[in-house]
Protein backbone atom coordinates (compact mmCIF):
# COMPACT_ATOMS: atom_id res chain seq x y z
CA MET A 1 220.63 166.72 59.68
CA ALA A 2 220.79 166.78 55.93
CA SER A 3 224.18 168.50 54.60
CA ARG A 4 224.91 170.73 52.23
CA SER A 5 226.36 168.47 49.38
CA TYR A 6 225.82 168.95 45.83
CA THR A 7 226.49 166.17 43.03
CA GLU A 8 229.54 166.78 40.79
CA GLN A 9 226.73 167.18 38.01
CA THR A 10 224.97 170.11 39.82
CA ILE A 11 228.07 172.17 40.33
CA LYS A 12 229.19 171.58 37.00
CA GLN A 13 225.92 172.75 35.64
CA LEU A 14 225.60 175.57 37.77
CA PHE A 15 229.06 177.14 37.38
CA GLY A 16 228.86 176.09 33.40
CA SER A 17 225.39 177.51 32.64
CA ALA A 18 226.11 180.93 34.80
CA ALA A 19 229.32 181.39 32.72
CA GLY A 20 231.34 181.61 36.19
CA ARG A 21 229.58 184.82 36.84
CA CYS A 22 227.51 186.25 39.84
CA ALA A 23 224.15 185.97 38.43
CA PHE A 24 222.75 189.28 39.98
CA PRO A 25 222.14 191.58 37.45
CA SER A 26 224.18 194.71 38.40
CA CYS A 27 227.01 192.72 39.36
CA ARG A 28 227.96 189.53 37.06
CA ARG A 29 231.63 189.89 38.39
CA LYS A 30 233.94 186.87 37.71
CA LEU A 31 233.85 183.98 40.19
CA ILE A 32 236.75 182.12 39.44
CA HIS A 33 240.34 183.68 39.39
CA PRO A 34 243.01 181.44 37.29
CA ALA A 35 246.31 180.08 39.01
CA THR A 36 249.15 182.37 39.00
CA GLU A 37 252.82 181.41 39.66
CA GLN A 38 252.48 181.94 43.17
CA SER A 39 248.88 181.23 43.95
CA SER A 40 246.35 178.32 42.82
CA THR A 41 242.72 178.75 41.34
CA THR A 42 240.70 180.99 43.38
CA ILE A 43 236.71 180.35 43.45
CA ILE A 44 235.05 183.47 45.26
CA GLY A 45 231.58 182.42 44.23
CA ASP A 46 228.88 180.98 46.67
CA ILE A 47 226.18 178.39 45.98
CA ALA A 48 222.91 180.33 47.14
CA HIS A 49 219.66 178.50 47.65
CA ILE A 50 216.54 180.06 46.18
CA LEU A 51 214.18 178.41 48.67
CA ALA A 52 216.17 178.06 52.02
CA PHE A 53 218.38 174.99 52.82
CA SER A 54 217.06 175.05 56.52
CA ASP A 55 213.60 175.27 57.32
CA GLU A 56 214.63 178.75 59.34
CA GLY A 57 216.24 180.18 56.48
CA PRO A 58 215.45 182.99 54.28
CA ARG A 59 212.52 182.00 51.77
CA ALA A 60 211.98 178.74 53.68
CA ASP A 61 209.40 176.07 52.33
CA SER A 62 209.31 173.08 54.70
CA THR A 63 207.11 171.30 52.10
CA VAL A 64 210.35 170.93 49.92
CA SER A 65 212.65 167.57 50.54
CA ASP A 66 216.13 167.99 51.45
CA LYS A 67 217.15 166.12 48.33
CA ASP A 68 215.16 168.73 46.26
CA ARG A 69 216.94 171.86 48.00
CA ASN A 70 220.10 170.96 46.93
CA THR A 71 219.28 170.50 43.08
CA PHE A 72 220.62 172.81 40.13
CA GLU A 73 216.78 174.26 40.02
CA ASN A 74 216.91 175.41 43.42
CA LEU A 75 220.38 177.08 43.37
CA LEU A 76 221.86 180.30 42.20
CA LEU A 77 225.53 181.15 41.80
CA LEU A 78 226.45 184.54 43.18
CA CYS A 79 229.47 186.21 44.60
CA ALA A 80 229.69 186.27 48.36
CA ALA A 81 228.27 190.29 48.50
CA CYS A 82 225.10 189.57 46.34
CA HIS A 83 224.44 186.06 48.93
CA ARG A 84 224.39 188.07 51.48
CA LEU A 85 222.25 190.83 50.12
CA VAL A 86 219.68 188.43 48.98
CA ASP A 87 219.52 186.25 52.24
CA GLY A 88 219.63 189.39 54.43
CA GLN A 89 216.69 190.80 52.44
CA PRO A 90 214.68 188.01 51.52
CA ASP A 91 211.11 190.13 51.45
CA ASP A 92 212.77 192.08 48.63
CA TYR A 93 214.27 189.07 47.09
CA PRO A 94 211.61 186.37 47.39
CA ASP A 95 212.01 182.94 45.43
CA GLU A 96 210.03 184.29 42.31
CA THR A 97 212.39 187.12 41.97
CA LEU A 98 215.49 185.04 42.36
CA ARG A 99 214.27 182.29 39.65
CA ALA A 100 213.56 185.27 37.36
CA MET A 101 216.97 186.74 38.17
CA LYS A 102 218.68 183.07 37.17
CA LEU A 103 216.61 182.99 33.95
CA ASP A 104 217.67 186.36 33.19
CA HIS A 105 221.66 185.61 33.83
CA LEU A 106 221.43 182.53 31.70
CA ASP A 107 219.81 184.50 28.72
CA TRP A 108 222.35 186.82 29.00
CA VAL A 109 225.23 184.09 28.95
CA ASP A 110 223.28 182.79 25.93
CA ARG A 111 223.54 185.93 24.29
CA ASN A 112 227.04 186.75 24.82
CA LEU A 113 228.17 183.28 24.01
CA GLU A 114 226.09 183.81 20.67
CA ASN A 115 228.33 187.06 19.82
CA GLU A 116 231.53 185.19 20.76
CA MET A 117 230.74 182.56 18.55
CA SER A 118 230.70 185.10 15.43
CA ASP A 119 234.12 185.93 16.08
CA ILE A 120 235.81 182.42 16.06
CA ARG A 121 238.39 182.15 13.35
CA PHE A 122 240.72 179.59 12.24
CA PRO A 123 243.47 179.97 15.29
CA GLU A 124 240.57 179.21 17.79
CA LEU A 125 239.47 176.29 15.69
CA GLU A 126 243.35 174.89 15.59
CA VAL A 127 243.78 175.12 19.18
CA VAL A 128 240.61 173.53 20.07
CA CYS A 129 241.16 170.47 17.92
CA ARG A 130 244.54 170.08 18.66
CA ARG A 131 244.11 170.22 22.13
CA ILE A 132 241.55 167.17 21.94
CA ILE A 133 243.35 164.90 19.97
CA SER A 134 246.60 165.50 21.77
CA SER A 135 246.42 162.48 24.02
CA ASP A 136 246.31 158.74 23.20
CA LEU A 137 242.92 157.99 22.00
CA ALA A 138 240.80 154.84 22.18
CA GLU A 139 239.31 154.01 18.58
CA SER A 140 236.00 155.45 17.76
CA THR A 141 233.12 153.23 18.21
CA ASP A 142 230.65 153.16 15.62
CA PHE A 143 227.50 155.23 15.84
CA ASN A 144 223.88 155.28 14.44
CA SER A 145 223.25 158.41 12.53
CA LEU A 146 220.32 160.42 14.23
CA THR A 147 218.75 163.97 13.60
CA PRO A 148 219.50 166.20 15.96
CA ARG A 149 216.11 166.58 17.38
CA ASP A 150 216.11 162.59 18.32
CA LYS A 151 219.95 163.27 19.84
CA LEU A 152 218.49 165.58 22.26
CA SER A 153 216.21 163.66 23.04
CA LEU A 154 218.08 160.76 23.71
CA ASN A 155 220.59 162.49 25.63
CA ASP A 156 217.85 164.16 27.67
CA LEU A 157 218.91 167.68 26.59
CA GLY A 158 216.69 170.56 27.49
CA PRO A 159 216.01 174.07 25.54
CA SER A 160 219.29 175.59 26.41
CA SER A 161 221.44 172.75 25.01
CA SER A 162 219.48 173.41 22.08
CA LYS A 163 220.03 176.76 21.42
CA LYS A 164 224.07 176.28 21.97
CA ILE A 165 223.73 173.62 19.40
CA THR A 166 221.99 176.13 16.98
CA MET A 167 224.84 178.49 17.70
CA GLY A 168 227.60 175.91 16.92
CA LEU A 169 225.88 174.79 13.73
CA MET A 170 225.97 178.42 12.68
CA GLN A 171 229.87 177.90 12.48
CA ALA A 172 229.49 174.91 9.93
CA PRO A 173 231.03 176.40 6.60
CA LEU A 174 233.88 177.65 8.77
CA VAL A 175 234.55 174.37 10.40
CA ALA A 176 234.14 172.42 7.42
CA ASN A 177 236.56 174.61 5.43
CA TYR A 178 239.17 173.92 8.29
CA LEU A 179 238.82 170.27 8.19
CA GLN A 180 238.81 170.32 4.43
CA ASN A 181 242.21 171.99 4.64
CA MET A 182 243.70 169.69 7.27
CA VAL A 183 242.51 166.60 5.22
CA THR A 184 244.10 168.11 1.76
CA HIS A 185 247.19 169.45 3.10
CA VAL A 186 248.18 168.34 6.66
CA ASP A 187 246.66 164.90 7.81
CA PRO A 188 244.13 162.74 6.11
CA ASP A 189 243.29 161.17 9.13
CA PHE A 190 242.64 164.15 11.16
CA PRO A 191 238.79 163.89 10.98
CA PRO A 192 238.74 160.40 12.40
CA ARG A 193 241.10 161.16 15.18
CA LEU A 194 239.00 164.30 16.16
CA ILE A 195 235.82 162.60 16.22
CA ALA A 196 237.83 160.07 18.66
CA GLY A 197 238.81 162.68 20.92
CA PHE A 198 235.64 164.32 21.25
CA ARG A 199 234.19 160.81 21.75
CA GLN A 200 236.60 159.87 24.63
CA GLU A 201 235.91 163.08 26.53
CA TYR A 202 232.14 162.40 26.14
CA ASP A 203 232.50 159.04 27.75
CA LYS A 204 234.91 160.09 30.30
CA HIS A 205 232.39 162.55 31.91
CA ARG A 206 229.50 159.96 31.38
CA ARG A 207 231.45 157.55 33.67
CA THR A 208 231.55 160.11 36.41
CA GLY A 209 227.69 160.31 36.36
CA VAL A 210 227.40 163.63 34.14
CA LYS A 211 224.10 163.28 32.03
CA GLY A 212 221.60 165.51 30.53
CA ASP A 213 222.39 169.20 29.97
CA GLY A 214 225.60 168.53 32.00
CA LEU A 215 226.99 166.97 28.96
CA SER A 216 225.83 169.43 26.46
CA TYR A 217 229.25 170.87 25.65
CA PHE A 218 230.85 167.64 24.33
CA TRP A 219 227.92 166.38 22.78
CA ASN A 220 227.23 169.89 20.94
CA ILE A 221 230.99 169.72 19.63
CA SER A 222 231.07 165.81 18.76
CA LEU A 223 227.88 166.19 16.96
CA LEU A 224 229.30 169.52 14.94
CA ALA A 225 232.58 167.41 14.55
CA ALA A 226 230.73 164.04 13.13
CA GLN A 227 228.54 165.90 10.53
CA LEU A 228 231.41 168.25 9.24
CA THR A 229 234.21 165.66 9.12
CA SER A 230 231.50 163.58 7.36
CA SER A 231 231.19 166.35 4.32
CA ALA A 232 234.57 167.54 4.62
CA THR A 233 236.06 163.91 3.52
CA ARG A 234 233.50 163.12 0.81
CA PRO A 235 235.06 163.24 -2.70
CA ALA A 236 234.03 166.44 -4.36
């Protein structure tokens, strides 16, 4: 009998795209509670199947292979209560309803991310940048300059990643100003070290098998860093 096993990429994509929240529209509670001094991190979310994992389960479809039942496309992130609800009342929550629910939740995450992006200021940039370059880094390798569209295709990134990249590029003037200040007043080698840091994070996740939209965060931010550090270090 097949097991309920998911690839690391699938789990990361599921939790990342859902922002770690229940996808049920009237719920959307946080499903990851950070560690405290007394306890470790606790995950209260369930990985729910849109089409049932077993042939006897809710919304079962025997024509779907065991492998396809455990893919990102057939999974939904829910809290335990909402999971019990949709599986306990499958006639009220058919697969079409759950797929629409998932898409609506992804759109909700994107809209909120767009609002949050507009509030990013220098302190947030400094925290992110210094975290990335805080460890020993390998030399940054040479890379060819491609258009964002070509890189989307080369890295097998979908429409959701394209939207996030567009939102990230909205902050281009702010990031460019920050990098120019760093080059002028603090550290002239900051831009290449920042690029190397993002590249190291990207390569580390590639080696674990993560690809496509699962790498969108690292690709997005490394592209932005590469573009902006180039302009920030160009003579006036």
